[in-house]
Protein backbone atom coordinates (compact mmCIF):
# COMPACT_ATOMS: atom_id res chain seq x y z
CA MET A 1 -8.72 7.32 -3.58
CA LEU A 2 -5.05 7.67 -3.90
CA GLY A 3 -4.75 6.82 -0.34
CA TRP A 4 -6.77 3.35 -0.75
CA SER A 5 -4.89 2.90 -3.90
CA MET A 6 -1.06 2.85 -2.04
CA MET A 7 -2.71 0.66 1.20
CA PHE A 8 -3.21 -1.86 -1.10
CA LEU A 9 -0.18 -1.70 -3.04
CA ILE A 10 1.84 -1.94 0.41
CA ILE A 11 -0.57 -5.03 0.90
CA ALA A 12 -0.24 -6.56 -2.11
CA LEU A 13 3.43 -6.32 -1.41
CA ILE A 14 3.28 -7.72 2.05
CA ALA A 15 1.34 -10.31 0.80
CA ALA A 16 4.17 -11.11 -2.12
CA VAL A 17 6.29 -11.20 0.73
CA PHE A 18 4.54 -13.71 2.87
CA GLY A 19 4.40 -16.30 0.33
CA PHE A 20 0.56 -15.77 -1.33
CA THR A 21 -1.24 -17.99 1.92
CA GLY A 22 -4.41 -16.67 3.04
CA ILE A 23 -3.53 -13.54 3.81
CA VAL A 24 -3.82 -12.72 -0.31
CA THR A 25 -7.10 -14.27 -0.66
CA ALA A 26 -7.91 -11.85 2.85
CA ALA A 27 -6.69 -8.88 0.92
CA VAL A 28 -7.99 -9.88 -2.66
CA GLY A 29 -11.95 -9.61 -1.01
CA ILE A 30 -11.25 -6.41 0.88
CA ALA A 31 -10.20 -5.15 -2.34
CA LYS A 32 -13.11 -5.98 -4.29
CA PHE A 33 -15.44 -5.21 -1.74
CA LEU A 34 -13.75 -1.76 -1.91
CA PHE A 35 -13.98 -1.70 -5.63
CA VAL A 36 -17.29 -2.02 -5.74
CA VAL A 37 -17.98 0.18 -2.60
CA PHE A 38 -16.11 2.48 -4.53
CA LEU A 39 -17.34 2.67 -7.95
CA ILE A 40 -20.79 2.84 -6.95
CA LEU A 41 -19.94 5.61 -5.00
CA PHE A 42 -18.01 7.17 -7.90
CA VAL A 43 -20.99 6.84 -10.61
CA LEU A 44 -23.33 8.01 -7.60
CA SER A 45 -20.63 11.48 -7.22
CA LEU A 46 -21.05 11.95 -11.62
CA LEU A 47 -24.85 11.85 -10.94
CA PHE A 48 -25.90 13.88 -8.14
CA GLY A 49 -22.83 15.78 -7.85
CA ARG A 50 -23.41 18.28 -10.57
CA ARG A 51 -26.33 19.34 -9.89
CA SER A 52 -26.83 23.18 -8.11
CA ILE A 53 -29.00 24.41 -5.32
CA ARG A 54 -30.44 27.82 -6.88
């Protein structure tokens, strides 16, 4: 997760350098999509991750 956040920090900095053009909307779209995906995976891991098979 930390790797993904660092990657999007770099993308955000590059987008700022390019002047908030079309690359920003692409990065925002990807960031929103990945946020939802990782939020769902986080909730699922909380629900199912603590169960042990015995």
